[in-house]
């Protein structure tokens, strides 16, 4: 499906590493845009969703994730979002701290990467369930034509 091979072997860990490496390559290609202070938060989120997230999620519908792989994906997402939104200024001390996970997800305000994978998997399951069903009106067979002719006569 979509350029990936569906097997019953558990070679997903290698595929996951390959996808995350591709996601890192995409991130580093647009890093200058994501760290640019003049771009709005919504523009940065759109760039993240369209360029980076789609590369990482490509063909994820056929995979079953373990807890370790879910954790790896969350770490990747949090790392990219932290670098995108930058540090937070502490008013009391005047220093900078990194954003905590809850603050990141409040700023991002979209479903996390695991939730997106699960929703895509459910959508793909619907496609697979409907594969055997014929589309449109049933074809008129020769036997059906004979039955119609007998009714008319």
Foldseek 3Di string as FASTA:
>chain_A
DQPDDQDPDPPVVVVLVVLLVLLVVQCVVCLVVLQDPVDDLVVNLVSCVPGRLCSSLRPLLRDDDDPVSVVVQQVSVLVSLQSNVDWDADPVVRDTDTDDPVRSCVSSVDDGSVVVSVVSNVVVVVVVVCPVPDDDDDDQDPVNVVVVVVVVD
